[in-house]
Protein backbone atom coordinates (compact mmCIF):
# COMPACT_ATOMS: atom_id res chain seq x y z
CA MET A 1 0.00 0.00 0.00
CA ARG A 2 1.44 3.35 -1.08
CA LEU A 3 0.73 6.17 1.33
CA ARG A 4 1.10 9.89 0.74
CA ARG A 5 1.24 12.30 3.67
CA LEU A 6 -1.60 14.77 3.65
CA ARG A 7 -0.60 18.40 3.36
CA ARG A 8 -2.25 20.92 5.65
CA ALA A 9 -3.49 22.86 2.63
CA GLU A 10 -5.57 19.82 1.66
CA LEU A 11 -7.51 19.83 4.91
CA PRO A 12 -10.82 21.73 4.69
CA ALA A 13 -10.84 24.90 6.77
CA ASP A 14 -14.12 23.95 8.42
CA THR A 15 -14.71 21.43 11.20
CA VAL A 16 -17.72 19.66 9.71
CA ALA A 17 -16.14 19.50 6.26
CA LEU A 18 -12.96 18.09 7.79
CA ALA A 19 -14.87 15.35 9.61
CA ARG A 20 -16.34 14.23 6.29
CA PHE A 21 -13.04 14.66 4.44
CA LEU A 22 -11.22 12.33 6.84
CA LEU A 23 -13.34 9.34 5.85
CA GLY A 24 -11.26 7.05 3.67
CA LYS A 25 -7.99 8.64 4.80
CA ILE A 26 -5.34 6.69 6.73
CA VAL A 27 -4.07 7.34 10.23
CA VAL A 28 -0.50 6.08 10.66
CA HIS A 29 1.57 5.60 13.82
CA ASP A 30 5.21 4.71 13.23
CA THR A 31 6.34 3.21 16.54
CA ARG A 32 9.74 1.83 17.49
CA HIS A 33 8.22 -1.63 17.11
CA GLY A 34 6.79 -1.03 13.64
CA ARG A 35 4.05 0.71 11.73
CA LEU A 36 0.39 0.69 12.80
CA SER A 37 -2.23 2.06 10.45
CA GLY A 38 -5.91 2.04 9.68
CA ARG A 39 -8.42 3.50 7.25
CA ILE A 40 -10.78 6.01 8.86
CA VAL A 41 -14.42 4.92 8.54
CA GLU A 42 -16.17 7.02 11.21
CA THR A 43 -15.73 10.53 12.62
CA GLU A 44 -17.60 13.12 14.67
CA ALA A 45 -17.38 16.90 14.31
CA TYR A 46 -17.15 19.23 17.32
CA PRO A 47 -17.28 22.66 15.69
CA VAL A 48 -16.79 26.12 17.16
CA GLY A 49 -19.46 26.98 19.73
CA ASP A 50 -20.61 23.37 20.15
CA ALA A 51 -21.69 22.80 23.75
CA ALA A 52 -20.48 19.19 23.55
CA GLY A 53 -16.98 20.23 22.49
CA HIS A 54 -14.01 20.47 24.82
CA ALA A 55 -13.33 24.04 23.68
CA PHE A 56 -16.76 25.35 24.66
CA ARG A 57 -15.58 26.90 27.93
CA GLY A 58 -12.27 28.14 26.57
CA MET A 59 -8.66 27.07 26.67
CA THR A 60 -7.29 25.12 29.63
CA GLU A 61 -4.05 23.27 30.22
CA ARG A 62 -5.82 20.01 29.37
CA ASN A 63 -7.31 21.11 26.05
CA ARG A 64 -4.53 23.45 24.88
CA ALA A 65 -3.66 21.25 21.89
CA LEU A 66 -7.23 21.57 20.60
CA PHE A 67 -6.48 25.25 19.89
CA LEU A 68 -3.55 24.49 17.55
CA LYS A 69 -4.03 25.16 13.84
CA ARG A 70 -5.83 22.48 11.88
CA GLY A 71 -4.07 19.17 11.34
CA HIS A 72 -2.71 18.57 14.85
CA ALA A 73 -3.49 15.74 17.24
CA TYR A 74 -5.61 16.45 20.29
CA VAL A 75 -5.49 13.40 22.58
CA TYR A 76 -7.29 13.26 25.88
CA PHE A 77 -8.08 10.66 28.56
CA ALA A 78 -11.79 9.92 28.76
CA TYR A 79 -14.06 8.09 31.20
CA GLY A 80 -11.06 7.25 33.38
CA SER A 81 -10.23 4.38 31.06
CA CYS A 82 -9.17 5.28 27.51
CA PHE A 83 -7.52 7.81 25.23
CA LEU A 84 -9.30 9.46 22.29
CA LEU A 85 -7.71 10.90 19.14
CA ASN A 86 -9.00 14.09 17.54
CA VAL A 87 -7.79 16.19 14.61
CA THR A 88 -7.79 19.95 15.19
CA SER A 89 -9.79 21.79 12.56
CA GLU A 90 -9.58 25.58 12.78
CA VAL A 91 -6.98 28.37 12.78
CA ALA A 92 -4.57 28.67 15.68
CA GLY A 93 -6.29 29.98 18.79
CA VAL A 94 -9.74 28.65 17.84
CA GLY A 95 -10.69 25.38 19.51
CA ALA A 96 -12.55 22.76 17.47
CA GLY A 97 -11.87 19.31 16.12
CA ALA A 98 -12.95 16.04 14.57
CA LEU A 99 -12.95 12.89 16.66
CA ILE A 100 -11.77 9.75 14.90
CA ARG A 101 -14.30 7.17 16.06
CA ALA A 102 -13.37 4.05 14.08
CA ILE A 103 -10.83 2.72 11.60
CA GLU A 104 -10.40 -0.39 9.51
CA PRO A 105 -7.08 -2.02 10.56
CA LEU A 106 -4.49 -2.16 7.78
CA GLU A 107 -0.89 -2.51 9.00
CA GLY A 108 0.50 -3.93 12.22
CA ILE A 109 -2.57 -6.01 12.96
CA ALA A 110 -0.65 -8.54 15.09
CA ALA A 111 0.63 -5.70 17.29
CA MET A 112 -2.89 -4.26 17.51
CA GLU A 113 -4.12 -7.64 18.71
CA ARG A 114 -1.49 -7.64 21.45
CA HIS A 115 -2.36 -4.10 22.50
CA ARG A 116 -6.07 -4.91 22.63
CA GLY A 117 -5.77 -8.44 24.04
CA THR A 118 -8.03 -9.91 21.35
CA THR A 119 -7.74 -11.53 17.94
CA ARG A 120 -11.28 -10.58 16.92
CA ARG A 121 -10.66 -8.20 14.02
CA LEU A 122 -13.93 -6.31 14.40
CA ASP A 123 -13.14 -5.47 18.02
CA LEU A 124 -9.68 -4.05 17.42
CA THR A 125 -10.51 -0.51 16.31
CA ARG A 126 -14.31 -0.12 16.35
CA GLY A 127 -14.78 2.82 18.72
CA PRO A 128 -12.45 5.71 19.64
CA GLY A 129 -11.01 4.16 22.80
CA ARG A 130 -10.30 0.86 21.13
CA LEU A 131 -8.58 2.42 18.12
CA ALA A 132 -6.32 4.56 20.30
CA GLU A 133 -5.29 1.50 22.31
CA ALA A 134 -4.71 -0.53 19.14
CA LEU A 135 -2.59 2.24 17.63
CA ALA A 136 -0.62 2.77 20.88
CA ILE A 137 -1.83 6.37 21.15
CA ASP A 138 -1.72 8.17 24.48
CA LEU A 139 -0.87 11.61 25.83
CA ALA A 140 2.65 11.34 24.37
CA GLN A 141 1.10 12.07 20.97
CA ASN A 142 -0.99 15.03 22.15
CA GLY A 143 -0.16 18.12 20.07
CA LEU A 144 1.77 16.32 17.33
CA ASP A 145 1.55 17.75 13.82
CA LEU A 146 -0.35 15.16 11.77
CA CYS A 147 0.77 16.84 8.55
CA GLY A 148 4.42 16.97 9.54
CA ALA A 149 7.29 14.51 9.52
CA GLY A 150 6.54 13.02 12.93
CA PRO A 151 5.57 9.47 13.92
CA LEU A 152 1.81 10.06 13.95
CA TRP A 153 0.40 11.30 10.65
CA LEU A 154 -2.47 11.35 8.19
CA ALA A 155 -2.22 9.87 4.73
CA SER A 156 -4.15 9.36 1.54
CA ALA A 157 -4.13 6.04 -0.26
CA GLY A 158 -6.39 7.04 -3.12
CA ASP A 159 -9.36 5.00 -1.88
CA PRO A 160 -12.36 7.31 -1.28
CA PRO A 161 -15.36 6.20 0.82
CA ARG A 162 -18.13 4.35 -1.00
CA SER A 163 -20.96 6.48 0.36
CA ILE A 164 -21.25 8.56 3.51
CA GLY A 165 -23.92 8.30 6.16
CA ALA A 166 -24.68 10.82 8.89
CA SER A 167 -26.35 10.69 12.29
CA VAL A 168 -26.38 12.30 15.69
CA ARG A 169 -23.23 11.82 17.74
CA ILE A 170 -22.78 9.02 20.25
CA GLY A 171 -22.53 9.29 24.04
CA ILE A 172 -23.12 13.02 24.51
CA THR A 173 -25.84 14.95 26.34
CA ARG A 174 -25.30 18.55 25.18
CA ASP A 175 -26.18 19.56 21.62
CA ALA A 176 -27.09 15.90 21.25
CA ASP A 177 -29.53 16.40 18.36
CA ARG A 178 -26.96 17.78 15.91
CA VAL A 179 -26.20 15.53 12.94
CA LEU A 180 -22.41 15.66 13.13
CA ARG A 181 -21.37 11.99 13.03
CA PHE A 182 -20.19 10.70 9.66
CA TYR A 183 -19.42 7.16 8.61
CA GLU A 184 -18.79 5.01 5.59
CA HIS A 185 -21.67 2.79 4.53
CA GLY A 186 -21.02 -0.90 4.02
CA THR A 187 -18.15 -1.46 6.43
CA PRO A 188 -18.42 -3.64 9.57
CA PHE A 189 -15.80 -1.53 11.36
CA VAL A 190 -18.20 1.35 12.15
CA SER A 191 -19.09 1.67 15.85
CA GLY A 192 -22.35 2.47 17.59
CA PRO A 193 -25.86 1.00 17.46
CA LYS A 194 -27.23 -0.34 14.18
CA ARG A 195 -30.05 2.20 14.16
CA LEU A 196 -27.46 4.96 13.65
CA ARG A 197 -26.07 3.28 10.56
CA ALA A 198 -29.28 3.59 8.58
CA GLU A 199 -29.40 7.40 8.31
CA ARG A 200 -27.84 8.73 5.12
CA SER A 201 -26.38 12.18 4.52
CA SER A 202 -27.51 14.32 1.61
């Protein structure tokens, strides 16, 4: 598989557009033990002013990376149990991002299985906490430039999504009725309840 690093100029300068754009792209983590990668099949947008977003109440030490210019990693520890990977989406100083919710495993699957403690392929990276664990992502990657020459990066492999569905986001209580979750139809690696896989975007 030939991968090309995404350039920042390719990333849409809008949070919702970025969340859709990321579908079909590849997230790559080059670790000292080898490469881990997966094709993004599900995202959620947390745009400017969104009450469910981490930037809603302003910048803090914890969410500082979310205010970096678009194309950086914002990693945080959620629910006291797992890390979540987001891609920043606005200009520097404006906090917003797209959560990567699920990927289809591509490279380093044996290592992902060790990280996750399972050989069930569908359970490796279906859900944001699972994918971060599979890809060995934690706070050490928070703030990394995903368009730069670092170990965690975004790539294009020339394989666009088949068709894109949209639904409300999963597991939130504020601004919960906004249709800001995007996913690729026809893949078993999408997370969430089946009822949220039937809604199609325009």
